[in-house]
Amino acid sequence: MNDKALKEIIITNVTTFFFFWIIIFFAGADKPPPIGFLWIVLLVALLDVAQFFYLKRFLPKLHQKTKGLFFINLLYFLIGGIFVSILTILIRPNLLSIGFLNTLFWVASIIIASLINAVCFYIFNKILFTIFQKRIERSTL
């Protein structure tokens, strides 16, 4: 895989990820969104930076068809979901005051969303990789 295609796939990923999640969160926010919505934008931007660095390692493994990559990807996103849920609780300790079951639901919701995102991420990158691979093959003819 050449560097140009790698960069294009990464840019497509991080741009799509950022705007997709901001639109999802905006759709669920009050209108107009409260000032605290900026924390959501910051969190998505930080996750986008993490995804940028992850893609640099993930895409070559996808190209090499590394065995078990789907499950490795799920594991990384699971760890990310756990990290984000713990981070939100540390930033807002009053989340613990809503009760153990509600806090558990909060953590589970973030982890489940993370795992769904992992599956979508993998499929999205397989599709992008196929599109860019065909474009590279046509340009070398």
Foldseek 3Di string as FASTA:
>chain_A
DDPVLLVVLLVVVLVCQLVVVLVVVCVVAPVVHDPCVVVVSVVSVVVSVVVSVVSVVLVVCVVVVPPPSLVVLLVVLLVVLQVVLVVVCVVPVCCPVVDDVSSVVSSVVSNVVSNVVSVVVVVVSVVSVVVSVVVVVVVVD
